[in-house]
Amino acid sequence: MKYYLIFIFIISFSFTSCREKNTPLKEVKKSVKLKIVNEKSIIERINDTLTKKIDLNSFIDSITNQKKVKVIEKLNEVWNEKNKLYEYNGNKFNFKLSIEGVEKGLNSNSVFIDGNNRFSFKNYKVLGYNDERFKSEDFGFNNQNSLENSKIIEIANKKFLYSDIRFMCNGIGCGCQLNFIYDIELKKPFFIDNYRFPFNKFYLSDFNDDKVIDLIIISRGIERTSKKLSVEQNIFRVSWFEYKNGTFIERKNNKKEKTYFEFISYTQSLNHGDAENCQYSILKENWK
C-alpha cells in the first residue's frame, strides 16, 4: 500500500509539471506565426539601409516636366487585309505600316509610311547611351514591329507621332519597352528602348522650359547580380538628350558635363527591378 501511494504521487506530480511547462498547441502556432510575420526579408533589410529613396515613376514625371506634353489626338489602328498593312488614322493625320518578309519565312522588316515617304526600320538603330558601366537595349527592334497606342503630341509648338512598338517575344526580353518617335514636320523617325524601367508616361518633353525638345534615354548597369545572397542589384542611368537640327544629342551643362541621374534598387534575382517590394534610391546625379 505504501509503494502504491508513492507511485500515485509521482505520476500526479509528473502530469502536473508537464501541464505547467508545456505551451498549448494553439499558443505555439500563434507564436510561430508572429515570428514569421515580424521577420524581415533580405530585400527589406537592404531597403532599410537606402538613403535618398524615391518613388521612381513620380520622380521621373517631375524631372521630365510632363505638363509640357499636349496630346493632340489618339490614332485608331486598322488592319487593311487587302493591302496587308496597318493603318493609323486620326482627324488630320494618317499613317501606314507594313511588315515585309514574314509570309516568305524571311527576316521581317517593318516599313513606316507617311504619304509618299517610306522609312525602312532596317536602316535605323535604337538611340542609346553606352559605356563601360551601362548598356542601352535594342531587343525586339525590327522583329515584326507594328505600332500601338499611337498619339499625336505637341511640345514647344512642334508635333510628333509618339507610339509604343509591338515586337515578337518568346519569353526572353518580353520586359522590353520599345517606342517610336516621328518628327512630323521634318519626316524623321527615332526609336528608343528600355528594359523594365518603371515609368509609364512620355519620354519626350521640354524638361527645363527652354523651348528645346528633350528626351530621356534609359540604360541599365551591366553588373547586376550578387550570387551569394541571390539578390539582384539594379542600376538605371537616365541620360538627358536634346533635339537640335533634327538630331538627338546628349546634353551637357555649362561645365561641359553630361547631365544624368543614376538610380539603384535591389530585388530577388531575376525580378529585374520591377518587383512589388522594389524601392529606388538616387545613387548619383548631375541634372542641372
C-alpha atoms as a PDB file:
ATOM      1  CA  MET A   1       0.000   0.000   0.000  1.00  0.00           C
ATOM      2  CA  LYS A   2       2.858   2.353   0.862  1.00  0.00           C
ATOM      3  CA  TYR A   3       4.552   1.823  -2.503  1.00  0.00           C
ATOM      4  CA  TYR A   4       1.256   2.240  -4.328  1.00  0.00           C
ATOM      5  CA  LEU A   5       0.702   5.702  -2.728  1.00  0.00           C
ATOM      6  CA  ILE A   6       4.245   6.768  -3.625  1.00  0.00           C
ATOM      7  CA  PHE A   7       3.660   5.668  -7.241  1.00  0.00           C
ATOM      8  CA  ILE A   8       0.407   7.632  -7.445  1.00  0.00           C
ATOM      9  CA  PHE A   9       2.128  10.735  -6.046  1.00  0.00           C
ATOM     10  CA  ILE A  10       4.953  10.538  -8.620  1.00  0.00           C
ATOM     11  CA  ILE A  11       2.525  10.103 -11.525  1.00  0.00           C
ATOM     12  CA  SER A  12       0.387  13.030 -10.348  1.00  0.00           C
ATOM     13  CA  PHE A  13       3.409  15.289  -9.881  1.00  0.00           C
ATOM     14  CA  SER A  14       4.790  14.441 -13.322  1.00  0.00           C
ATOM     15  CA  PHE A  15       1.474  15.123 -15.017  1.00  0.00           C
ATOM     16  CA  THR A  16       1.057  18.447 -13.227  1.00  0.00           C
ATOM     17  CA  SER A  17       4.623  19.511 -14.037  1.00  0.00           C
ATOM     18  CA  CYS A  18       4.243  18.667 -17.718  1.00  0.00           C
ATOM     19  CA  ARG A  19       0.955  20.518 -17.923  1.00  0.00           C
ATOM     20  CA  GLU A  20       2.560  23.613 -16.407  1.00  0.00           C
ATOM     21  CA  LYS A  21       5.721  23.542 -18.541  1.00  0.00           C
ATOM     22  CA  ASN A  22       4.233  22.768 -21.992  1.00  0.00           C
ATOM     23  CA  THR A  23       2.630  25.584 -24.028  1.00  0.00           C
ATOM     24  CA  PRO A  24      -0.741  24.718 -25.592  1.00  0.00           C
ATOM     25  CA  LEU A  25      -0.535  23.958 -29.330  1.00  0.00           C
ATOM     26  CA  LYS A  26      -2.718  26.964 -30.176  1.00  0.00           C
ATOM     27  CA  GLU A  27      -0.258  29.297 -28.435  1.00  0.00           C
ATOM     28  CA  VAL A  28       2.708  27.651 -30.160  1.00  0.00           C
ATOM     29  CA  LYS A  29       1.147  28.235 -33.586  1.00  0.00           C
ATOM     30  CA  LYS A  30       0.401  31.834 -32.687  1.00  0.00           C
ATOM     31  CA  SER A  31       3.975  32.425 -31.561  1.00  0.00           C
ATOM     32  CA  VAL A  32       5.466  30.904 -34.717  1.00  0.00           C
ATOM     33  CA  LYS A  33       3.122  32.929 -36.915  1.00  0.00           C
ATOM     34  CA  LEU A  34       4.112  36.175 -35.202  1.00  0.00           C
ATOM     35  CA  LYS A  35       7.780  35.353 -35.629  1.00  0.00           C
ATOM     36  CA  ILE A  36       7.329  34.748 -39.379  1.00  0.00           C
ATOM     37  CA  VAL A  37       5.337  37.939 -39.880  1.00  0.00           C
ATOM     38  CA  ASN A  38       7.817  40.068 -37.955  1.00  0.00           C
ATOM     39  CA  GLU A  39      10.953  38.662 -39.603  1.00  0.00           C
ATOM     40  CA  LYS A  40      12.142  40.902 -42.462  1.00  0.00           C
ATOM     41  CA  SER A  41      13.371  39.533 -45.765  1.00  0.00           C
ATOM     42  CA  ILE A  42      16.887  40.244 -47.004  1.00  0.00           C
ATOM     43  CA  ILE A  43      15.425  42.734 -49.520  1.00  0.00           C
ATOM     44  CA  GLU A  44      13.540  44.602 -46.794  1.00  0.00           C
ATOM     45  CA  ARG A  45      16.679  44.797 -44.672  1.00  0.00           C
ATOM     46  CA  ILE A  46      18.652  46.176 -47.631  1.00  0.00           C
ATOM     47  CA  ASN A  47      15.896  48.682 -48.386  1.00  0.00           C
ATOM     48  CA  ASP A  48      16.136  49.955 -44.804  1.00  0.00           C
ATOM     49  CA  THR A  49      19.738  50.995 -45.465  1.00  0.00           C
ATOM     50  CA  LEU A  50      18.962  53.013 -48.608  1.00  0.00           C
ATOM     51  CA  THR A  51      19.145  56.805 -48.488  1.00  0.00           C
ATOM     52  CA  LYS A  52      17.538  59.321 -50.871  1.00  0.00           C
ATOM     53  CA  LYS A  53      14.666  56.921 -51.532  1.00  0.00           C
ATOM     54  CA  ILE A  54      12.110  57.986 -54.146  1.00  0.00           C
ATOM     55  CA  ASP A  55       9.022  56.773 -55.971  1.00  0.00           C
ATOM     56  CA  LEU A  56      10.702  56.422 -59.349  1.00  0.00           C
ATOM     57  CA  ASN A  57       7.613  56.852 -61.530  1.00  0.00           C
ATOM     58  CA  SER A  58       6.526  60.141 -59.921  1.00  0.00           C
ATOM     59  CA  PHE A  59      10.130  61.370 -59.717  1.00  0.00           C
ATOM     60  CA  ILE A  60      10.698  60.911 -63.467  1.00  0.00           C
ATOM     61  CA  ASP A  61       7.318  62.529 -64.048  1.00  0.00           C
ATOM     62  CA  SER A  62       8.547  65.654 -62.250  1.00  0.00           C
ATOM     63  CA  ILE A  63      12.012  65.987 -63.824  1.00  0.00           C
ATOM     64  CA  THR A  64      10.641  65.480 -67.349  1.00  0.00           C
ATOM     65  CA  ASN A  65       8.046  68.248 -66.937  1.00  0.00           C
ATOM     66  CA  GLN A  66       5.181  66.138 -68.300  1.00  0.00           C
ATOM     67  CA  LYS A  67       2.740  69.073 -68.273  1.00  0.00           C
ATOM     68  CA  LYS A  68       4.583  70.384 -71.347  1.00  0.00           C
ATOM     69  CA  VAL A  69       3.307  67.439 -73.417  1.00  0.00           C
ATOM     70  CA  LYS A  70      -0.004  68.159 -75.136  1.00  0.00           C
ATOM     71  CA  VAL A  71      -1.882  65.219 -76.661  1.00  0.00           C
ATOM     72  CA  ILE A  72      -3.488  66.454 -79.900  1.00  0.00           C
ATOM     73  CA  GLU A  73      -5.275  63.234 -80.805  1.00  0.00           C
ATOM     74  CA  LYS A  74      -5.154  59.468 -80.467  1.00  0.00           C
ATOM     75  CA  LEU A  75      -4.946  57.464 -83.676  1.00  0.00           C
ATOM     76  CA  ASN A  76      -7.170  54.491 -84.479  1.00  0.00           C
ATOM     77  CA  GLU A  77      -5.443  51.310 -85.633  1.00  0.00           C
ATOM     78  CA  VAL A  78      -6.976  49.296 -88.501  1.00  0.00           C
ATOM     79  CA  TRP A  79      -5.645  46.218 -90.283  1.00  0.00           C
ATOM     80  CA  ASN A  80      -6.087  46.529 -94.052  1.00  0.00           C
ATOM     81  CA  GLU A  81      -6.491  42.927 -95.170  1.00  0.00           C
ATOM     82  CA  LYS A  82      -6.473  43.768 -98.876  1.00  0.00           C
ATOM     83  CA  ASN A  83      -3.162  45.609 -98.791  1.00  0.00           C
ATOM     84  CA  LYS A  84      -1.740  43.605 -95.874  1.00  0.00           C
ATOM     85  CA  LEU A  85      -0.735  46.583 -93.781  1.00  0.00           C
ATOM     86  CA  TYR A  86      -1.681  48.562 -90.687  1.00  0.00           C
ATOM     87  CA  GLU A  87      -3.367  51.953 -90.914  1.00  0.00           C
ATOM     88  CA  TYR A  88      -3.259  54.584 -88.166  1.00  0.00           C
ATOM     89  CA  ASN A  89      -5.937  57.193 -88.703  1.00  0.00           C
ATOM     90  CA  GLY A  90      -6.923  60.421 -86.988  1.00  0.00           C
ATOM     91  CA  ASN A  91      -8.845  63.557 -87.891  1.00  0.00           C
ATOM     92  CA  LYS A  92      -5.853  65.218 -89.547  1.00  0.00           C
ATOM     93  CA  PHE A  93      -3.142  62.562 -89.625  1.00  0.00           C
ATOM     94  CA  ASN A  94      -2.938  59.213 -91.411  1.00  0.00           C
ATOM     95  CA  PHE A  95      -0.022  56.792 -91.476  1.00  0.00           C
ATOM     96  CA  LYS A  96       0.591  53.204 -92.562  1.00  0.00           C
ATOM     97  CA  LEU A  97       2.977  50.392 -91.658  1.00  0.00           C
ATOM     98  CA  SER A  98       3.779  47.166 -93.480  1.00  0.00           C
ATOM     99  CA  ILE A  99       5.798  44.164 -92.313  1.00  0.00           C
ATOM    100  CA  GLU A 100       7.843  42.609 -95.091  1.00  0.00           C
ATOM    101  CA  GLY A 101       9.280  39.100 -95.316  1.00  0.00           C
ATOM    102  CA  VAL A 102       7.074  37.295 -92.760  1.00  0.00           C
ATOM    103  CA  GLU A 103       4.908  35.381 -95.243  1.00  0.00           C
ATOM    104  CA  LYS A 104       8.009  34.245 -97.147  1.00  0.00           C
ATOM    105  CA  GLY A 105       9.698  32.987 -93.975  1.00  0.00           C
ATOM    106  CA  LEU A 106      12.405  35.646 -94.191  1.00  0.00           C
ATOM    107  CA  ASN A 107      13.689  38.006 -91.525  1.00  0.00           C
ATOM    108  CA  SER A 108      10.995  40.623 -91.100  1.00  0.00           C
ATOM    109  CA  ASN A 109      11.437  44.302 -91.838  1.00  0.00           C
ATOM    110  CA  SER A 110       8.879  46.951 -90.871  1.00  0.00           C
ATOM    111  CA  VAL A 111       8.270  49.940 -93.134  1.00  0.00           C
ATOM    112  CA  PHE A 112       6.579  53.087 -91.819  1.00  0.00           C
ATOM    113  CA  ILE A 113       4.694  55.049 -94.489  1.00  0.00           C
ATOM    114  CA  ASP A 114       3.801  58.746 -94.377  1.00  0.00           C
ATOM    115  CA  GLY A 115       2.246  59.620 -97.742  1.00  0.00           C
ATOM    116  CA  ASN A 116       4.998  59.132-100.313  1.00  0.00           C
ATOM    117  CA  ASN A 117       7.680  58.807 -97.644  1.00  0.00           C
ATOM    118  CA  ARG A 118       8.750  55.302 -96.661  1.00  0.00           C
ATOM    119  CA  PHE A 119      11.043  54.533 -93.723  1.00  0.00           C
ATOM    120  CA  SER A 120      12.538  51.051 -93.552  1.00  0.00           C
ATOM    121  CA  PHE A 121      13.378  50.069 -89.963  1.00  0.00           C
ATOM    122  CA  LYS A 122      16.452  48.141 -91.101  1.00  0.00           C
ATOM    123  CA  ASN A 123      18.095  51.461 -91.957  1.00  0.00           C
ATOM    124  CA  TYR A 124      17.877  52.761 -88.389  1.00  0.00           C
ATOM    125  CA  LYS A 125      19.246  51.997 -84.943  1.00  0.00           C
ATOM    126  CA  VAL A 126      17.834  52.448 -81.462  1.00  0.00           C
ATOM    127  CA  LEU A 127      19.039  55.594 -79.687  1.00  0.00           C
ATOM    128  CA  GLY A 128      21.104  54.697 -76.650  1.00  0.00           C
ATOM    129  CA  TYR A 129      23.745  55.569 -74.102  1.00  0.00           C
ATOM    130  CA  ASN A 130      26.518  53.007 -73.731  1.00  0.00           C
ATOM    131  CA  ASP A 131      29.812  52.982 -71.829  1.00  0.00           C
ATOM    132  CA  GLU A 132      31.864  50.546 -69.743  1.00  0.00           C
ATOM    133  CA  ARG A 133      29.198  50.526 -66.991  1.00  0.00           C
ATOM    134  CA  PHE A 134      25.903  50.858 -68.862  1.00  0.00           C
ATOM    135  CA  LYS A 135      24.174  49.378 -71.877  1.00  0.00           C
ATOM    136  CA  SER A 136      21.015  50.504 -73.653  1.00  0.00           C
ATOM    137  CA  GLU A 137      18.601  47.899 -75.016  1.00  0.00           C
ATOM    138  CA  ASP A 138      17.685  47.126 -78.609  1.00  0.00           C
ATOM    139  CA  PHE A 139      15.881  43.806 -78.072  1.00  0.00           C
ATOM    140  CA  GLY A 140      12.786  43.397 -80.239  1.00  0.00           C
ATOM    141  CA  PHE A 141      13.714  46.132 -82.675  1.00  0.00           C
ATOM    142  CA  ASN A 142      12.628  45.328 -86.242  1.00  0.00           C
ATOM    143  CA  ASN A 143      11.243  41.968 -85.155  1.00  0.00           C
ATOM    144  CA  GLN A 144       7.776  42.054 -86.750  1.00  0.00           C
ATOM    145  CA  ASN A 145       7.287  45.562 -85.358  1.00  0.00           C
ATOM    146  CA  SER A 146       3.985  47.422 -85.562  1.00  0.00           C
ATOM    147  CA  LEU A 147       2.668  50.439 -83.667  1.00  0.00           C
ATOM    148  CA  GLU A 148       0.132  50.612 -80.841  1.00  0.00           C
ATOM    149  CA  ASN A 149      -1.291  53.336 -78.588  1.00  0.00           C
ATOM    150  CA  SER A 150      -0.275  55.880 -81.217  1.00  0.00           C
ATOM    151  CA  LYS A 151      -0.754  59.564 -80.379  1.00  0.00           C
ATOM    152  CA  ILE A 152      -0.042  62.913 -81.952  1.00  0.00           C
ATOM    153  CA  ILE A 153       1.635  65.080 -79.338  1.00  0.00           C
ATOM    154  CA  GLU A 154       2.839  68.662 -79.317  1.00  0.00           C
ATOM    155  CA  ILE A 155       5.824  70.026 -77.390  1.00  0.00           C
ATOM    156  CA  ALA A 156       7.114  73.588 -77.764  1.00  0.00           C
ATOM    157  CA  ASN A 157       4.907  74.105 -80.860  1.00  0.00           C
ATOM    158  CA  LYS A 158       6.378  71.027 -82.549  1.00  0.00           C
ATOM    159  CA  LYS A 159       4.308  67.938 -83.408  1.00  0.00           C
ATOM    160  CA  PHE A 160       5.407  64.310 -83.115  1.00  0.00           C
ATOM    161  CA  LEU A 161       3.848  60.914 -83.617  1.00  0.00           C
ATOM    162  CA  TYR A 162       4.591  59.051 -80.374  1.00  0.00           C
ATOM    163  CA  SER A 163       3.828  55.343 -80.140  1.00  0.00           C
ATOM    164  CA  ASP A 164       4.590  52.068 -78.411  1.00  0.00           C
ATOM    165  CA  ILE A 165       6.038  49.332 -80.631  1.00  0.00           C
ATOM    166  CA  ARG A 166       4.919  45.704 -80.662  1.00  0.00           C
ATOM    167  CA  PHE A 167       7.517  43.001 -81.203  1.00  0.00           C
ATOM    168  CA  MET A 168       7.766  39.222 -81.199  1.00  0.00           C
ATOM    169  CA  CYS A 169       8.750  37.723 -77.852  1.00  0.00           C
ATOM    170  CA  ASN A 170       9.186  34.116 -76.718  1.00  0.00           C
ATOM    171  CA  GLY A 171       9.728  34.830 -73.015  1.00  0.00           C
ATOM    172  CA  ILE A 172      13.197  36.344 -73.317  1.00  0.00           C
ATOM    173  CA  GLY A 173      13.223  40.121 -73.465  1.00  0.00           C
ATOM    174  CA  CYS A 174       9.461  40.440 -73.032  1.00  0.00           C
ATOM    175  CA  GLY A 175      10.066  43.117 -70.392  1.00  0.00           C
ATOM    176  CA  CYS A 176      11.484  45.487 -73.003  1.00  0.00           C
ATOM    177  CA  GLN A 177       9.608  48.667 -73.905  1.00  0.00           C
ATOM    178  CA  LEU A 178      10.115  49.987 -77.436  1.00  0.00           C
ATOM    179  CA  ASN A 179       8.891  53.422 -78.524  1.00  0.00           C
ATOM    180  CA  PHE A 180       8.621  55.157 -81.889  1.00  0.00           C
ATOM    181  CA  ILE A 181       9.054  58.944 -82.195  1.00  0.00           C
ATOM    182  CA  TYR A 182       8.385  60.632 -85.533  1.00  0.00           C
ATOM    183  CA  ASP A 183       9.024  64.290 -86.305  1.00  0.00           C
ATOM    184  CA  ILE A 184       6.004  65.081 -88.497  1.00  0.00           C
ATOM    185  CA  GLU A 185       7.463  68.271 -89.966  1.00  0.00           C
ATOM    186  CA  LEU A 186      10.981  67.041 -90.726  1.00  0.00           C
ATOM    187  CA  LYS A 187       9.848  63.478 -91.569  1.00  0.00           C
ATOM    188  CA  LYS A 188      12.393  61.862 -89.258  1.00  0.00           C
ATOM    189  CA  PRO A 189      11.820  58.658 -87.225  1.00  0.00           C
ATOM    190  CA  PHE A 190      13.571  57.741 -83.962  1.00  0.00           C
ATOM    191  CA  PHE A 191      13.493  54.655 -81.763  1.00  0.00           C
ATOM    192  CA  ILE A 192      14.105  54.200 -78.042  1.00  0.00           C
ATOM    193  CA  ASP A 193      14.140  51.038 -75.924  1.00  0.00           C
ATOM    194  CA  ASN A 194      14.466  50.116 -72.260  1.00  0.00           C
ATOM    195  CA  TYR A 195      14.164  47.009 -70.105  1.00  0.00           C
ATOM    196  CA  ARG A 196      11.609  47.091 -67.266  1.00  0.00           C
ATOM    197  CA  PHE A 197      12.110  50.754 -66.449  1.00  0.00           C
ATOM    198  CA  PRO A 198       9.099  51.618 -64.257  1.00  0.00           C
ATOM    199  CA  PHE A 199       7.893  54.793 -65.980  1.00  0.00           C
ATOM    200  CA  ASN A 200       4.654  54.857 -67.957  1.00  0.00           C
ATOM    201  CA  LYS A 201       4.403  58.347 -69.469  1.00  0.00           C
ATOM    202  CA  PHE A 202       6.208  60.268 -72.232  1.00  0.00           C
ATOM    203  CA  TYR A 203       9.994  60.069 -72.532  1.00  0.00           C
ATOM    204  CA  LEU A 204       9.831  63.208 -74.654  1.00  0.00           C
ATOM    205  CA  SER A 205       9.083  66.701 -73.297  1.00  0.00           C
ATOM    206  CA  ASP A 206      10.586  70.139 -72.598  1.00  0.00           C
ATOM    207  CA  PHE A 207      12.303  69.444 -69.301  1.00  0.00           C
ATOM    208  CA  ASN A 208      13.532  72.946 -68.437  1.00  0.00           C
ATOM    209  CA  ASP A 209      11.086  75.261 -70.273  1.00  0.00           C
ATOM    210  CA  ASP A 210      13.654  76.473 -72.809  1.00  0.00           C
ATOM    211  CA  LYS A 211      11.574  75.604 -75.908  1.00  0.00           C
ATOM    212  CA  VAL A 212      14.040  72.846 -76.800  1.00  0.00           C
ATOM    213  CA  ILE A 213      12.690  69.299 -77.157  1.00  0.00           C
ATOM    214  CA  ASP A 214      14.238  66.956 -74.583  1.00  0.00           C
ATOM    215  CA  LEU A 215      14.385  63.166 -74.354  1.00  0.00           C
ATOM    216  CA  ILE A 216      15.436  60.725 -71.644  1.00  0.00           C
ATOM    217  CA  ILE A 217      17.464  57.706 -72.735  1.00  0.00           C
ATOM    218  CA  ILE A 218      17.462  54.738 -70.353  1.00  0.00           C
ATOM    219  CA  SER A 219      20.452  52.430 -69.934  1.00  0.00           C
ATOM    220  CA  ARG A 220      20.985  49.657 -67.421  1.00  0.00           C
ATOM    221  CA  GLY A 221      24.016  48.730 -65.341  1.00  0.00           C
ATOM    222  CA  ILE A 222      25.975  45.813 -66.750  1.00  0.00           C
ATOM    223  CA  GLU A 223      26.953  44.381 -63.338  1.00  0.00           C
ATOM    224  CA  ARG A 224      23.778  43.283 -61.568  1.00  0.00           C
ATOM    225  CA  THR A 225      23.686  40.031 -59.604  1.00  0.00           C
ATOM    226  CA  SER A 226      25.117  39.187 -56.186  1.00  0.00           C
ATOM    227  CA  LYS A 227      25.082  35.377 -56.350  1.00  0.00           C
ATOM    228  CA  LYS A 228      25.750  34.603 -52.685  1.00  0.00           C
ATOM    229  CA  LEU A 229      22.621  36.344 -51.446  1.00  0.00           C
ATOM    230  CA  SER A 230      20.503  35.631 -54.545  1.00  0.00           C
ATOM    231  CA  VAL A 231      19.954  39.369 -54.695  1.00  0.00           C
ATOM    232  CA  GLU A 232      19.990  41.390 -57.903  1.00  0.00           C
ATOM    233  CA  GLN A 233      21.360  44.912 -57.854  1.00  0.00           C
ATOM    234  CA  ASN A 234      19.692  47.100 -60.472  1.00  0.00           C
ATOM    235  CA  ILE A 235      21.195  50.407 -61.569  1.00  0.00           C
ATOM    236  CA  PHE A 236      19.480  52.576 -64.172  1.00  0.00           C
ATOM    237  CA  ARG A 237      21.042  55.600 -65.811  1.00  0.00           C
ATOM    238  CA  VAL A 238      18.660  58.273 -67.096  1.00  0.00           C
ATOM    239  CA  SER A 239      20.514  60.436 -69.614  1.00  0.00           C
ATOM    240  CA  TRP A 240      19.254  63.807 -70.871  1.00  0.00           C
ATOM    241  CA  PHE A 241      19.295  64.310 -74.649  1.00  0.00           C
ATOM    242  CA  GLU A 242      18.282  67.423 -76.611  1.00  0.00           C
ATOM    243  CA  TYR A 243      16.738  67.692 -80.077  1.00  0.00           C
ATOM    244  CA  LYS A 244      18.763  70.080 -82.230  1.00  0.00           C
ATOM    245  CA  ASN A 245      18.877  70.335 -86.026  1.00  0.00           C
ATOM    246  CA  GLY A 246      16.834  67.177 -86.400  1.00  0.00           C
ATOM    247  CA  THR A 247      19.126  65.070 -84.190  1.00  0.00           C
ATOM    248  CA  PHE A 248      19.058  63.963 -80.545  1.00  0.00           C
ATOM    249  CA  ILE A 249      22.383  64.708 -78.868  1.00  0.00           C
ATOM    250  CA  GLU A 250      23.499  64.214 -75.288  1.00  0.00           C
ATOM    251  CA  ARG A 251      23.027  67.393 -73.276  1.00  0.00           C
ATOM    252  CA  LYS A 252      25.936  68.943 -71.386  1.00  0.00           C
ATOM    253  CA  ASN A 253      25.776  71.702 -68.792  1.00  0.00           C
ATOM    254  CA  ASN A 254      27.812  74.929 -68.682  1.00  0.00           C
ATOM    255  CA  LYS A 255      30.771  72.959 -67.349  1.00  0.00           C
ATOM    256  CA  LYS A 256      30.602  70.600 -70.354  1.00  0.00           C
ATOM    257  CA  GLU A 257      29.471  67.787 -68.053  1.00  0.00           C
ATOM    258  CA  LYS A 258      26.919  65.179 -69.062  1.00  0.00           C
ATOM    259  CA  THR A 259      23.504  65.522 -67.396  1.00  0.00           C
ATOM    260  CA  TYR A 260      22.026  62.388 -65.865  1.00  0.00           C
ATOM    261  CA  PHE A 261      20.609  60.544 -62.860  1.00  0.00           C
ATOM    262  CA  GLU A 262      21.617  57.094 -61.631  1.00  0.00           C
ATOM    263  CA  PHE A 263      19.137  55.066 -59.566  1.00  0.00           C
ATOM    264  CA  ILE A 264      19.758  51.875 -57.613  1.00  0.00           C
ATOM    265  CA  SER A 265      17.437  49.158 -56.302  1.00  0.00           C
ATOM    266  CA  TYR A 266      17.624  45.567 -55.054  1.00  0.00           C
ATOM    267  CA  THR A 267      15.316  42.630 -55.772  1.00  0.00           C
ATOM    268  CA  GLN A 268      15.417  38.863 -55.617  1.00  0.00           C
ATOM    269  CA  SER A 269      17.361  37.532 -58.607  1.00  0.00           C
ATOM    270  CA  LEU A 270      15.528  37.663 -61.958  1.00  0.00           C
ATOM    271  CA  ASN A 271      12.892  40.147 -60.757  1.00  0.00           C
ATOM    272  CA  HIS A 272      14.854  42.788 -62.678  1.00  0.00           C
ATOM    273  CA  GLY A 273      13.920  45.877 -60.747  1.00  0.00           C
ATOM    274  CA  ASP A 274      10.151  45.764 -61.045  1.00  0.00           C
ATOM    275  CA  ALA A 275       9.075  43.607 -58.095  1.00  0.00           C
ATOM    276  CA  GLU A 276       6.326  44.874 -55.782  1.00  0.00           C
ATOM    277  CA  ASN A 277       8.749  45.487 -52.907  1.00  0.00           C
ATOM    278  CA  CYS A 278      11.316  47.237 -55.127  1.00  0.00           C
ATOM    279  CA  GLN A 279      12.447  50.607 -53.776  1.00  0.00           C
ATOM    280  CA  TYR A 280      14.670  53.047 -55.629  1.00  0.00           C
ATOM    281  CA  SER A 281      17.309  55.411 -54.342  1.00  0.00           C
ATOM    282  CA  ILE A 282      19.300  58.173 -56.057  1.00  0.00           C
ATOM    283  CA  LEU A 283      22.853  56.913 -56.441  1.00  0.00           C
ATOM    284  CA  LYS A 284      24.414  59.756 -58.481  1.00  0.00           C
ATOM    285  CA  GLU A 285      23.142  62.898 -60.145  1.00  0.00           C
ATOM    286  CA  ASN A 286      24.204  65.774 -62.326  1.00  0.00           C
ATOM    287  CA  TRP A 287      20.945  67.075 -63.793  1.00  0.00           C
ATOM    288  CA  LYS A 288      21.405  70.876 -63.973  1.00  0.00           C
END
